[in-house]
């Protein structure tokens, strides 16, 4: 009986550990591309979340080592009056990135909409290749969406051990996030080509921020 309970306990412990390792073990590749795409993360009260800052800092390091025609910042106004893309732009400019390199996608409110709208932006600007930056727990769901949209892409994330360990809770939340992704993906595949998804861009002050500004 003791052996049976011990083996069962080992299995219970092993399953989440294997899942966690698998989620963060997706193949990553840094490289040149037409577009470097940084996916947003909710900015409560306009404040950059540590997960989003990690994405931005990772992108800055990539820009120092590789060549990109444009950097696409993707994210609407989910938890603040300003879009995530707008907030990301300010952060990158403060860290020495030239504004003319940046394209803003400000309508999306989830990962499917991020991908759909970035694909349209790339088509409008004649871009063929892209490297997407996020956190490592997010990469497998991103790959699934991009495959469904028939959009070739490369992916990159900061996989420092302490960063990965700090993402343990949200890694398990990805199970629910994947289920929520499926109906949005079905909707994206049904809609007309070239039609962006998400909410209208909110006004900031007296002037509306335009897509791709």
N, C-alpha and C. Protein backbone atom coordinates (compact mmCIF):
# COMPACT_ATOMS: atom_id res chain seq x y z
N UNK A 1 0.83 -1.21 0.00
CA UNK A 1 0.00 0.00 0.00
C UNK A 1 0.86 1.25 0.00
N UNK A 2 1.93 1.23 0.82
CA UNK A 2 2.80 2.40 0.92
C UNK A 2 3.46 2.70 -0.43
N UNK A 3 3.91 1.62 -1.13
CA UNK A 3 4.55 1.81 -2.43
C UNK A 3 3.56 2.38 -3.43
N UNK A 4 2.31 1.85 -3.41
CA UNK A 4 1.28 2.32 -4.33
C UNK A 4 1.00 3.80 -4.13
N UNK A 5 0.85 4.22 -2.88
CA UNK A 5 0.58 5.62 -2.58
C UNK A 5 1.76 6.48 -3.02
N UNK A 6 2.97 6.01 -2.80
CA UNK A 6 4.15 6.78 -3.18
C UNK A 6 4.23 6.98 -4.68
N UNK A 7 3.95 5.89 -5.44
CA UNK A 7 3.98 6.00 -6.89
C UNK A 7 2.90 6.96 -7.38
N UNK A 8 1.71 6.85 -6.78
CA UNK A 8 0.63 7.76 -7.18
C UNK A 8 1.00 9.21 -6.88
N UNK A 9 1.63 9.40 -5.72
CA UNK A 9 2.05 10.76 -5.38
C UNK A 9 3.10 11.29 -6.32
N UNK A 10 4.00 10.42 -6.77
CA UNK A 10 5.03 10.85 -7.72
C UNK A 10 4.41 11.26 -9.05
N UNK A 11 3.39 10.51 -9.48
CA UNK A 11 2.71 10.85 -10.74
C UNK A 11 2.01 12.20 -10.63
N UNK A 12 1.33 12.41 -9.49
CA UNK A 12 0.63 13.68 -9.27
C UNK A 12 1.60 14.85 -9.33
N UNK A 13 2.78 14.67 -8.78
CA UNK A 13 3.79 15.72 -8.80
C UNK A 13 4.45 15.85 -10.17
N UNK A 14 4.61 14.75 -10.87
CA UNK A 14 5.33 14.76 -12.15
C UNK A 14 4.54 15.43 -13.26
N UNK A 15 3.22 15.22 -13.28
CA UNK A 15 2.41 15.76 -14.39
C UNK A 15 2.51 17.28 -14.49
N UNK A 16 2.27 18.04 -13.41
CA UNK A 16 2.43 19.49 -13.54
C UNK A 16 3.86 19.92 -13.86
N UNK A 17 4.83 19.17 -13.35
CA UNK A 17 6.23 19.53 -13.64
C UNK A 17 6.54 19.34 -15.12
N UNK A 18 6.08 18.23 -15.69
CA UNK A 18 6.29 17.99 -17.12
C UNK A 18 5.59 19.05 -17.95
N UNK A 19 4.36 19.37 -17.58
CA UNK A 19 3.61 20.42 -18.29
C UNK A 19 4.37 21.75 -18.25
N UNK A 20 4.85 22.13 -17.09
CA UNK A 20 5.56 23.40 -16.93
C UNK A 20 6.81 23.45 -17.81
N UNK A 21 7.58 22.37 -17.78
CA UNK A 21 8.80 22.32 -18.59
C UNK A 21 8.46 22.38 -20.07
N UNK A 22 7.44 21.62 -20.47
CA UNK A 22 7.04 21.60 -21.88
C UNK A 22 6.59 22.98 -22.35
N UNK A 23 5.84 23.69 -21.53
CA UNK A 23 5.35 25.01 -21.91
C UNK A 23 6.50 25.99 -22.15
N UNK A 24 7.56 25.87 -21.40
CA UNK A 24 8.67 26.83 -21.52
C UNK A 24 9.79 26.32 -22.41
N UNK A 25 9.61 25.15 -23.01
CA UNK A 25 10.68 24.55 -23.80
C UNK A 25 10.47 24.69 -25.30
N UNK A 26 9.53 25.52 -25.70
CA UNK A 26 9.27 25.70 -27.12
C UNK A 26 10.51 26.26 -27.81
N UNK A 27 10.70 25.89 -29.06
CA UNK A 27 11.89 26.32 -29.79
C UNK A 27 11.84 27.84 -30.03
N UNK A 28 12.93 28.50 -29.69
CA UNK A 28 13.07 29.94 -29.89
C UNK A 28 14.21 30.20 -30.85
N UNK A 29 14.06 31.28 -31.62
CA UNK A 29 15.12 31.62 -32.56
C UNK A 29 15.16 33.12 -32.77
N UNK A 30 16.27 33.76 -32.42
CA UNK A 30 16.42 35.17 -32.70
C UNK A 30 17.07 35.33 -34.07
N UNK A 31 16.59 36.33 -34.84
CA UNK A 31 17.06 36.50 -36.21
C UNK A 31 16.60 37.84 -36.77
N UNK A 32 17.13 38.20 -37.93
CA UNK A 32 16.63 39.36 -38.67
C UNK A 32 15.24 39.03 -39.21
N UNK A 33 14.44 40.08 -39.45
CA UNK A 33 13.11 39.90 -40.04
C UNK A 33 12.61 41.25 -40.51
N UNK A 34 11.59 41.24 -41.36
CA UNK A 34 10.96 42.49 -41.76
C UNK A 34 10.32 43.18 -40.55
N UNK A 35 9.64 42.39 -39.72
CA UNK A 35 8.92 42.95 -38.57
C UNK A 35 9.33 42.27 -37.28
N UNK A 36 9.59 43.07 -36.27
CA UNK A 36 9.72 42.57 -34.90
C UNK A 36 8.41 42.94 -34.21
N UNK A 37 7.65 41.95 -33.78
CA UNK A 37 6.33 42.18 -33.19
C UNK A 37 6.39 41.95 -31.69
N UNK A 38 5.98 42.96 -30.94
CA UNK A 38 5.94 42.84 -29.47
C UNK A 38 4.48 42.83 -29.05
N UNK A 39 4.06 41.76 -28.42
CA UNK A 39 2.67 41.65 -27.97
C UNK A 39 2.49 42.34 -26.63
N UNK A 40 1.40 43.07 -26.50
CA UNK A 40 1.13 43.81 -25.27
C UNK A 40 0.67 42.91 -24.13
N UNK A 41 0.60 43.51 -22.96
CA UNK A 41 0.06 42.86 -21.77
C UNK A 41 -0.64 43.96 -20.96
N UNK A 42 -1.71 43.60 -20.27
CA UNK A 42 -2.54 44.60 -19.63
C UNK A 42 -1.73 45.55 -18.76
N UNK A 43 -2.00 46.84 -18.94
CA UNK A 43 -1.29 47.90 -18.21
C UNK A 43 -2.29 48.58 -17.27
N UNK A 44 -2.46 48.02 -16.10
CA UNK A 44 -3.42 48.58 -15.14
C UNK A 44 -3.04 50.01 -14.80
N UNK A 45 -4.03 50.90 -14.98
CA UNK A 45 -3.84 52.33 -14.71
C UNK A 45 -2.63 52.90 -15.46
N UNK A 46 -2.36 52.34 -16.63
CA UNK A 46 -1.29 52.86 -17.46
C UNK A 46 0.11 52.44 -17.06
N UNK A 47 0.23 51.54 -16.07
CA UNK A 47 1.53 51.11 -15.58
C UNK A 47 1.98 49.85 -16.31
N UNK A 48 3.24 49.82 -16.71
CA UNK A 48 3.77 48.66 -17.42
C UNK A 48 3.96 47.49 -16.45
N UNK A 49 3.31 46.38 -16.76
CA UNK A 49 3.43 45.17 -15.94
C UNK A 49 4.83 44.58 -16.11
N UNK A 50 5.38 43.93 -15.07
CA UNK A 50 6.71 43.32 -15.20
C UNK A 50 6.82 42.34 -16.37
N UNK A 51 5.76 41.61 -16.69
CA UNK A 51 5.80 40.70 -17.84
C UNK A 51 5.98 41.48 -19.13
N UNK A 52 5.29 42.61 -19.25
CA UNK A 52 5.41 43.43 -20.45
C UNK A 52 6.79 44.09 -20.51
N UNK A 53 7.29 44.55 -19.40
CA UNK A 53 8.63 45.15 -19.39
C UNK A 53 9.67 44.13 -19.84
N UNK A 54 9.50 42.88 -19.42
CA UNK A 54 10.42 41.83 -19.86
C UNK A 54 10.38 41.67 -21.37
N UNK A 55 9.19 41.73 -21.96
CA UNK A 55 9.06 41.63 -23.41
C UNK A 55 9.77 42.81 -24.09
N UNK A 56 9.55 43.99 -23.57
CA UNK A 56 10.14 45.19 -24.17
C UNK A 56 11.66 45.18 -24.05
N UNK A 57 12.17 44.83 -22.88
CA UNK A 57 13.62 44.79 -22.70
C UNK A 57 14.26 43.72 -23.59
N UNK A 58 13.56 42.59 -23.75
CA UNK A 58 14.05 41.55 -24.65
C UNK A 58 14.09 42.05 -26.08
N UNK A 59 13.04 42.79 -26.50
CA UNK A 59 13.00 43.34 -27.86
C UNK A 59 14.12 44.35 -28.08
N UNK A 60 14.40 45.16 -27.09
CA UNK A 60 15.48 46.14 -27.23
C UNK A 60 16.82 45.42 -27.46
N UNK A 61 17.05 44.34 -26.73
CA UNK A 61 18.29 43.58 -26.93
C UNK A 61 18.34 42.98 -28.33
N UNK A 62 17.20 42.51 -28.82
CA UNK A 62 17.16 41.97 -30.18
C UNK A 62 17.47 43.04 -31.21
N UNK A 63 16.94 44.25 -31.00
CA UNK A 63 17.19 45.35 -31.93
C UNK A 63 18.66 45.75 -31.96
N UNK A 64 19.35 45.50 -30.90
CA UNK A 64 20.79 45.81 -30.86
C UNK A 64 21.61 44.80 -31.67
N UNK A 65 21.05 43.59 -31.86
CA UNK A 65 21.80 42.52 -32.50
C UNK A 65 21.33 42.19 -33.91
N UNK A 66 20.11 42.61 -34.26
CA UNK A 66 19.53 42.21 -35.54
C UNK A 66 18.88 43.39 -36.24
N UNK A 67 18.49 43.14 -37.50
CA UNK A 67 17.90 44.20 -38.33
C UNK A 67 16.42 43.92 -38.55
N UNK A 68 15.59 44.96 -38.36
CA UNK A 68 14.14 44.88 -38.59
C UNK A 68 13.70 46.16 -39.31
N UNK A 69 12.86 46.00 -40.31
CA UNK A 69 12.34 47.19 -41.00
C UNK A 69 11.45 48.00 -40.07
N UNK A 70 10.57 47.31 -39.39
CA UNK A 70 9.64 47.97 -38.46
C UNK A 70 9.52 47.15 -37.18
N UNK A 71 9.12 47.84 -36.13
CA UNK A 71 8.75 47.19 -34.88
C UNK A 71 7.26 47.43 -34.68
N UNK A 72 6.48 46.36 -34.64
CA UNK A 72 5.02 46.48 -34.46
C UNK A 72 4.68 46.28 -32.99
N UNK A 73 4.01 47.26 -32.41
CA UNK A 73 3.57 47.19 -31.02
C UNK A 73 2.08 46.91 -31.04
N UNK A 74 1.68 45.78 -30.47
CA UNK A 74 0.30 45.32 -30.62
C UNK A 74 -0.41 45.21 -29.28
N UNK A 75 -1.49 46.00 -29.12
CA UNK A 75 -2.29 45.91 -27.90
C UNK A 75 -3.20 47.11 -27.74
N UNK A 76 -4.48 46.86 -27.50
CA UNK A 76 -5.44 47.93 -27.32
C UNK A 76 -5.53 48.39 -25.87
N UNK A 77 -6.55 49.21 -25.62
CA UNK A 77 -6.77 49.74 -24.27
C UNK A 77 -7.63 48.75 -23.49
N UNK A 78 -7.00 47.86 -22.75
CA UNK A 78 -7.71 46.80 -22.02
C UNK A 78 -7.95 47.18 -20.57
N UNK A 79 -6.92 47.69 -19.91
CA UNK A 79 -7.04 47.99 -18.48
C UNK A 79 -6.65 49.42 -18.15
N UNK A 80 -6.57 50.28 -19.17
CA UNK A 80 -6.23 51.68 -18.96
C UNK A 80 -6.86 52.51 -20.07
N UNK A 81 -6.83 53.82 -19.93
CA UNK A 81 -7.42 54.69 -20.94
C UNK A 81 -6.56 54.78 -22.19
N UNK A 82 -5.28 54.43 -22.09
CA UNK A 82 -4.39 54.43 -23.23
C UNK A 82 -4.16 53.00 -23.70
N UNK A 83 -3.89 52.86 -24.98
CA UNK A 83 -3.63 51.52 -25.50
C UNK A 83 -2.28 51.00 -25.01
N UNK A 84 -2.18 49.68 -24.95
CA UNK A 84 -0.91 49.06 -24.58
C UNK A 84 0.18 49.44 -25.58
N UNK A 85 -0.20 49.52 -26.87
CA UNK A 85 0.77 49.90 -27.90
C UNK A 85 1.32 51.29 -27.65
N UNK A 86 0.47 52.21 -27.27
CA UNK A 86 0.88 53.59 -26.99
C UNK A 86 1.84 53.64 -25.79
N UNK A 87 1.52 52.88 -24.76
CA UNK A 87 2.36 52.84 -23.57
C UNK A 87 3.72 52.20 -23.90
N UNK A 88 3.69 51.15 -24.71
CA UNK A 88 4.94 50.50 -25.12
C UNK A 88 5.80 51.46 -25.94
N UNK A 89 5.17 52.22 -26.82
CA UNK A 89 5.93 53.17 -27.64
C UNK A 89 6.69 54.16 -26.76
N UNK A 90 6.02 54.69 -25.74
CA UNK A 90 6.69 55.64 -24.85
C UNK A 90 7.90 55.01 -24.17
N UNK A 91 7.75 53.76 -23.75
CA UNK A 91 8.86 53.06 -23.07
C UNK A 91 10.04 52.89 -24.01
N UNK A 92 9.77 52.47 -25.24
CA UNK A 92 10.86 52.24 -26.18
C UNK A 92 11.56 53.55 -26.56
N UNK A 93 10.80 54.61 -26.73
CA UNK A 93 11.41 55.90 -27.07
C UNK A 93 12.30 56.37 -25.92
N UNK A 94 11.83 56.19 -24.68
CA UNK A 94 12.66 56.56 -23.53
C UNK A 94 13.96 55.76 -23.48
N UNK A 95 13.94 54.58 -24.09
CA UNK A 95 15.13 53.73 -24.09
C UNK A 95 15.89 53.78 -25.41
N UNK A 96 15.70 54.85 -26.15
CA UNK A 96 16.55 55.12 -27.30
C UNK A 96 16.10 54.59 -28.63
N UNK A 97 14.88 54.04 -28.75
CA UNK A 97 14.39 53.53 -30.02
C UNK A 97 13.72 54.67 -30.79
N UNK A 98 14.07 54.81 -32.07
CA UNK A 98 13.53 55.90 -32.88
C UNK A 98 12.05 55.66 -33.18
N UNK A 99 11.25 56.70 -33.03
CA UNK A 99 9.80 56.57 -33.20
C UNK A 99 9.42 56.17 -34.61
N UNK A 100 10.19 56.60 -35.62
CA UNK A 100 9.82 56.29 -37.00
C UNK A 100 9.92 54.80 -37.31
N UNK A 101 10.56 54.04 -36.44
CA UNK A 101 10.65 52.59 -36.64
C UNK A 101 9.40 51.86 -36.14
N UNK A 102 8.53 52.55 -35.41
CA UNK A 102 7.44 51.91 -34.69
C UNK A 102 6.12 52.01 -35.42
N UNK A 103 5.41 50.90 -35.52
CA UNK A 103 4.04 50.85 -36.01
C UNK A 103 3.15 50.41 -34.86
N UNK A 104 2.04 51.10 -34.65
CA UNK A 104 1.15 50.79 -33.53
C UNK A 104 -0.12 50.11 -34.02
N UNK A 105 -0.45 49.01 -33.39
CA UNK A 105 -1.73 48.31 -33.60
C UNK A 105 -2.48 48.43 -32.29
N UNK A 106 -3.57 49.19 -32.27
CA UNK A 106 -4.20 49.58 -31.01
C UNK A 106 -5.63 49.09 -30.83
N UNK A 107 -6.08 48.16 -31.67
CA UNK A 107 -7.45 47.68 -31.55
C UNK A 107 -7.58 46.36 -30.80
N UNK A 108 -6.55 45.52 -30.84
CA UNK A 108 -6.66 44.15 -30.33
C UNK A 108 -6.83 44.12 -28.81
N UNK A 109 -7.58 43.09 -28.36
CA UNK A 109 -7.83 42.92 -26.94
C UNK A 109 -7.53 41.50 -26.46
N UNK A 110 -6.99 40.67 -27.34
CA UNK A 110 -6.54 39.33 -26.94
C UNK A 110 -5.51 38.85 -27.97
N UNK A 111 -4.94 37.68 -27.73
CA UNK A 111 -3.83 37.22 -28.57
C UNK A 111 -4.25 36.94 -29.99
N UNK A 112 -5.44 36.38 -30.20
CA UNK A 112 -5.91 36.14 -31.57
C UNK A 112 -6.01 37.45 -32.33
N UNK A 113 -6.61 38.46 -31.72
CA UNK A 113 -6.73 39.75 -32.38
C UNK A 113 -5.36 40.38 -32.62
N UNK A 114 -4.42 40.21 -31.67
CA UNK A 114 -3.04 40.65 -31.89
C UNK A 114 -2.52 40.12 -33.22
N UNK A 115 -2.64 38.81 -33.38
CA UNK A 115 -2.05 38.15 -34.55
C UNK A 115 -2.74 38.56 -35.85
N UNK A 116 -4.06 38.57 -35.84
CA UNK A 116 -4.81 38.93 -37.03
C UNK A 116 -4.45 40.35 -37.48
N UNK A 117 -4.45 41.28 -36.55
CA UNK A 117 -4.20 42.67 -36.90
C UNK A 117 -2.75 42.91 -37.32
N UNK A 118 -1.81 42.21 -36.68
CA UNK A 118 -0.41 42.34 -37.09
C UNK A 118 -0.19 41.78 -38.49
N UNK A 119 -0.88 40.69 -38.81
CA UNK A 119 -0.78 40.13 -40.15
C UNK A 119 -1.25 41.15 -41.19
N UNK A 120 -2.34 41.84 -40.90
CA UNK A 120 -2.86 42.85 -41.83
C UNK A 120 -1.88 44.02 -41.96
N UNK A 121 -1.33 44.47 -40.83
CA UNK A 121 -0.34 45.55 -40.87
C UNK A 121 0.87 45.16 -41.71
N UNK A 122 1.33 43.93 -41.56
CA UNK A 122 2.46 43.48 -42.35
C UNK A 122 2.14 43.50 -43.83
N UNK A 123 0.95 43.05 -44.19
CA UNK A 123 0.55 43.04 -45.60
C UNK A 123 0.49 44.47 -46.14
N UNK A 124 -0.02 45.40 -45.36
CA UNK A 124 -0.13 46.79 -45.81
C UNK A 124 1.23 47.43 -46.04
N UNK A 125 2.22 46.99 -45.29
CA UNK A 125 3.56 47.59 -45.40
C UNK A 125 4.54 46.69 -46.16
N UNK A 126 4.03 45.68 -46.84
CA UNK A 126 4.87 44.84 -47.68
C UNK A 126 5.90 44.02 -46.93
N UNK A 127 5.56 43.58 -45.73
CA UNK A 127 6.49 42.78 -44.93
C UNK A 127 6.15 41.30 -45.04
N UNK A 128 7.17 40.48 -45.20
CA UNK A 128 6.97 39.05 -45.41
C UNK A 128 7.35 38.20 -44.20
N UNK A 129 8.33 38.63 -43.43
CA UNK A 129 8.83 37.81 -42.32
C UNK A 129 8.67 38.54 -41.00
N UNK A 130 8.52 37.78 -39.92
CA UNK A 130 8.35 38.41 -38.61
C UNK A 130 8.93 37.55 -37.51
N UNK A 131 9.36 38.23 -36.46
CA UNK A 131 9.78 37.59 -35.22
C UNK A 131 8.90 38.14 -34.11
N UNK A 132 8.20 37.27 -33.41
CA UNK A 132 7.30 37.69 -32.35
C UNK A 132 7.96 37.53 -30.99
N UNK A 133 7.81 38.54 -30.15
CA UNK A 133 8.39 38.53 -28.81
C UNK A 133 7.28 38.50 -27.77
N UNK A 134 7.40 37.57 -26.82
CA UNK A 134 6.48 37.53 -25.69
C UNK A 134 7.23 36.88 -24.53
N UNK A 135 6.49 36.36 -23.56
CA UNK A 135 7.10 35.59 -22.47
C UNK A 135 7.04 34.12 -22.84
N UNK A 136 7.93 33.31 -22.30
CA UNK A 136 8.05 31.94 -22.79
C UNK A 136 6.81 31.09 -22.53
N UNK A 137 6.02 31.38 -21.48
CA UNK A 137 4.80 30.61 -21.23
C UNK A 137 3.77 30.80 -22.35
N UNK A 138 3.90 31.88 -23.10
CA UNK A 138 2.92 32.30 -24.10
C UNK A 138 3.21 31.76 -25.49
N UNK A 139 4.42 31.26 -25.71
CA UNK A 139 4.88 30.94 -27.06
C UNK A 139 4.08 29.82 -27.70
N UNK A 140 3.76 28.76 -26.97
CA UNK A 140 3.05 27.64 -27.60
C UNK A 140 1.66 28.05 -28.10
N UNK A 141 0.96 28.86 -27.35
CA UNK A 141 -0.36 29.31 -27.81
C UNK A 141 -0.21 30.24 -29.02
N UNK A 142 0.81 31.09 -29.01
CA UNK A 142 1.07 31.95 -30.15
C UNK A 142 1.34 31.12 -31.41
N UNK A 143 2.14 30.07 -31.28
CA UNK A 143 2.45 29.23 -32.43
C UNK A 143 1.19 28.55 -32.97
N UNK A 144 0.34 28.10 -32.07
CA UNK A 144 -0.89 27.45 -32.49
C UNK A 144 -1.75 28.42 -33.31
N UNK A 145 -1.87 29.65 -32.83
CA UNK A 145 -2.68 30.66 -33.52
C UNK A 145 -2.07 30.98 -34.88
N UNK A 146 -0.76 31.20 -34.92
CA UNK A 146 -0.12 31.57 -36.19
C UNK A 146 -0.24 30.44 -37.21
N UNK A 147 -0.13 29.19 -36.78
CA UNK A 147 -0.32 28.07 -37.70
C UNK A 147 -1.74 28.05 -38.25
N UNK A 148 -2.72 28.31 -37.39
CA UNK A 148 -4.11 28.34 -37.83
C UNK A 148 -4.37 29.46 -38.82
N UNK A 149 -3.67 30.57 -38.65
CA UNK A 149 -3.83 31.72 -39.55
C UNK A 149 -2.96 31.59 -40.80
N UNK A 150 -2.21 30.49 -40.89
CA UNK A 150 -1.31 30.25 -42.02
C UNK A 150 -0.33 31.40 -42.19
N UNK A 151 0.28 31.80 -41.10
CA UNK A 151 1.21 32.92 -41.09
C UNK A 151 2.56 32.44 -40.55
N UNK A 152 3.55 32.24 -41.41
CA UNK A 152 4.87 31.82 -40.95
C UNK A 152 5.49 32.85 -40.01
N UNK A 153 6.14 32.39 -38.97
CA UNK A 153 6.73 33.32 -38.02
C UNK A 153 7.81 32.61 -37.21
N UNK A 154 8.69 33.42 -36.63
CA UNK A 154 9.65 32.95 -35.66
C UNK A 154 9.29 33.57 -34.31
N UNK A 155 9.77 32.96 -33.23
CA UNK A 155 9.35 33.38 -31.90
C UNK A 155 10.57 33.50 -30.99
N UNK A 156 10.45 34.43 -30.03
CA UNK A 156 11.55 34.60 -29.09
C UNK A 156 11.01 35.08 -27.75
N UNK A 157 11.70 34.68 -26.68
CA UNK A 157 11.35 35.09 -25.33
C UNK A 157 12.58 35.03 -24.45
N UNK A 158 12.56 35.78 -23.39
CA UNK A 158 13.61 35.70 -22.38
C UNK A 158 13.36 34.46 -21.53
N UNK A 159 14.32 33.54 -21.54
CA UNK A 159 14.12 32.29 -20.81
C UNK A 159 15.12 32.16 -19.67
N UNK A 160 15.45 33.27 -19.04
CA UNK A 160 16.30 33.21 -17.85
C UNK A 160 15.58 32.41 -16.77
N UNK A 161 16.29 31.51 -16.07
CA UNK A 161 15.63 30.62 -15.10
C UNK A 161 14.76 31.35 -14.07
N UNK A 162 15.24 32.44 -13.51
CA UNK A 162 14.46 33.13 -12.49
C UNK A 162 13.21 33.77 -13.08
N UNK A 163 13.30 34.24 -14.34
CA UNK A 163 12.13 34.79 -15.01
C UNK A 163 11.09 33.70 -15.22
N UNK A 164 11.54 32.54 -15.67
CA UNK A 164 10.63 31.42 -15.94
C UNK A 164 9.96 30.95 -14.65
N UNK A 165 10.72 30.79 -13.59
CA UNK A 165 10.15 30.35 -12.32
C UNK A 165 9.09 31.35 -11.83
N UNK A 166 9.35 32.63 -12.03
CA UNK A 166 8.40 33.65 -11.61
C UNK A 166 7.10 33.63 -12.40
N UNK A 167 7.08 32.89 -13.51
CA UNK A 167 5.88 32.81 -14.34
C UNK A 167 5.08 31.52 -14.09
N UNK A 168 5.32 30.86 -12.96
CA UNK A 168 4.70 29.54 -12.75
C UNK A 168 3.18 29.63 -12.70
N UNK A 169 2.66 30.65 -12.01
CA UNK A 169 1.20 30.73 -11.86
C UNK A 169 0.52 30.97 -13.21
N UNK A 170 1.02 31.94 -13.98
CA UNK A 170 0.38 32.26 -15.25
C UNK A 170 0.60 31.15 -16.28
N UNK A 171 1.64 30.34 -16.09
CA UNK A 171 1.85 29.20 -16.98
C UNK A 171 0.68 28.23 -16.89
N UNK A 172 0.19 27.98 -15.69
CA UNK A 172 -0.95 27.07 -15.53
C UNK A 172 -2.26 27.74 -15.94
N UNK A 173 -2.33 29.05 -15.90
CA UNK A 173 -3.50 29.77 -16.38
C UNK A 173 -3.64 29.68 -17.90
N UNK A 174 -2.55 29.31 -18.58
CA UNK A 174 -2.61 29.16 -20.03
C UNK A 174 -3.56 28.04 -20.46
N UNK A 175 -3.84 27.10 -19.59
CA UNK A 175 -4.79 26.03 -19.93
C UNK A 175 -6.16 26.65 -20.20
N UNK A 176 -6.59 27.52 -19.31
CA UNK A 176 -7.87 28.22 -19.50
C UNK A 176 -7.78 29.19 -20.67
N UNK A 177 -6.65 29.88 -20.80
CA UNK A 177 -6.49 30.84 -21.89
C UNK A 177 -6.60 30.16 -23.25
N UNK A 178 -6.07 28.94 -23.36
CA UNK A 178 -6.17 28.22 -24.63
C UNK A 178 -7.63 27.92 -24.97
N UNK A 179 -8.41 27.51 -23.97
CA UNK A 179 -9.82 27.22 -24.23
C UNK A 179 -10.55 28.49 -24.70
N UNK A 180 -10.22 29.62 -24.11
CA UNK A 180 -10.85 30.88 -24.50
C UNK A 180 -10.39 31.33 -25.89
N UNK A 181 -9.23 30.87 -26.30
CA UNK A 181 -8.69 31.25 -27.61
C UNK A 181 -9.48 30.63 -28.75
N UNK A 182 -9.99 29.41 -28.57
CA UNK A 182 -10.59 28.67 -29.68
C UNK A 182 -11.77 29.38 -30.33
N UNK A 183 -12.76 29.90 -29.59
CA UNK A 183 -13.86 30.59 -30.27
C UNK A 183 -13.41 31.87 -30.97
N UNK A 184 -12.42 32.57 -30.41
CA UNK A 184 -11.91 33.77 -31.08
C UNK A 184 -11.21 33.40 -32.38
N UNK A 185 -10.51 32.28 -32.37
CA UNK A 185 -9.83 31.84 -33.58
C UNK A 185 -10.83 31.44 -34.66
N UNK A 186 -11.90 30.77 -34.25
CA UNK A 186 -12.95 30.42 -35.21
C UNK A 186 -13.56 31.68 -35.84
N UNK A 187 -13.77 32.69 -35.01
CA UNK A 187 -14.31 33.95 -35.52
C UNK A 187 -13.35 34.61 -36.50
N UNK A 188 -12.06 34.58 -36.18
CA UNK A 188 -11.05 35.19 -37.05
C UNK A 188 -11.01 34.50 -38.41
N UNK A 189 -11.16 33.18 -38.43
CA UNK A 189 -11.10 32.43 -39.68
C UNK A 189 -12.34 32.64 -40.54
N UNK A 190 -13.44 33.09 -39.92
CA UNK A 190 -14.68 33.32 -40.67
C UNK A 190 -14.77 34.73 -41.24
N UNK A 191 -14.04 35.67 -40.69
CA UNK A 191 -14.24 37.06 -41.08
C UNK A 191 -13.57 37.37 -42.41
N UNK A 192 -13.96 38.50 -42.99
CA UNK A 192 -13.46 38.89 -44.30
C UNK A 192 -11.96 39.20 -44.25
N UNK A 193 -11.22 38.82 -45.28
CA UNK A 193 -9.78 39.12 -45.32
C UNK A 193 -9.54 40.63 -45.21
N UNK A 194 -8.52 41.00 -44.47
CA UNK A 194 -8.16 42.41 -44.34
C UNK A 194 -8.95 43.18 -43.31
N UNK A 195 -9.86 42.49 -42.61
CA UNK A 195 -10.69 43.16 -41.60
C UNK A 195 -10.06 43.00 -40.22
N UNK A 196 -9.70 44.12 -39.61
CA UNK A 196 -9.09 44.06 -38.29
C UNK A 196 -10.11 43.72 -37.21
N UNK A 197 -9.61 43.14 -36.13
CA UNK A 197 -10.46 42.74 -35.02
C UNK A 197 -10.20 43.63 -33.81
N UNK A 198 -11.22 43.76 -32.95
CA UNK A 198 -11.03 44.47 -31.69
C UNK A 198 -11.89 45.70 -31.56
N UNK A 199 -11.57 46.51 -30.55
CA UNK A 199 -12.36 47.69 -30.23
C UNK A 199 -11.80 48.91 -30.95
N UNK A 200 -12.64 49.93 -31.08
CA UNK A 200 -12.18 51.19 -31.66
C UNK A 200 -11.11 51.81 -30.78
N UNK A 201 -10.19 52.53 -31.41
CA UNK A 201 -9.13 53.20 -30.66
C UNK A 201 -9.73 54.31 -29.82
N UNK A 202 -9.40 54.31 -28.53
CA UNK A 202 -9.91 55.35 -27.63
C UNK A 202 -9.15 56.65 -27.83
N UNK A 203 -9.80 57.74 -27.52
CA UNK A 203 -9.13 59.03 -27.60
C UNK A 203 -8.29 59.27 -26.36
N UNK A 204 -7.12 59.86 -26.59
CA UNK A 204 -6.23 60.22 -25.50
C UNK A 204 -6.10 61.73 -25.52
N UNK A 205 -6.61 62.40 -24.50
CA UNK A 205 -6.62 63.85 -24.50
C UNK A 205 -7.61 64.35 -25.54
N UNK A 206 -7.16 65.18 -26.45
CA UNK A 206 -8.06 65.74 -27.46
C UNK A 206 -7.83 65.15 -28.83
N UNK A 207 -6.85 64.24 -28.96
CA UNK A 207 -6.50 63.72 -30.27
C UNK A 207 -6.51 62.21 -30.25
N UNK A 208 -7.17 61.60 -31.22
CA UNK A 208 -7.20 60.13 -31.32
C UNK A 208 -5.90 59.65 -31.92
N UNK A 209 -5.38 58.56 -31.37
CA UNK A 209 -4.19 57.93 -31.91
C UNK A 209 -4.60 57.04 -33.08
N UNK A 210 -3.99 57.24 -34.22
CA UNK A 210 -4.36 56.50 -35.41
C UNK A 210 -3.55 55.23 -35.52
N UNK A 211 -4.17 54.20 -36.11
CA UNK A 211 -3.50 52.94 -36.33
C UNK A 211 -2.29 53.15 -37.21
N UNK A 212 -1.15 52.61 -36.75
CA UNK A 212 0.05 52.71 -37.55
C UNK A 212 0.74 54.03 -37.45
N UNK A 213 0.35 54.90 -36.47
CA UNK A 213 0.98 56.20 -36.35
C UNK A 213 2.39 56.07 -35.79
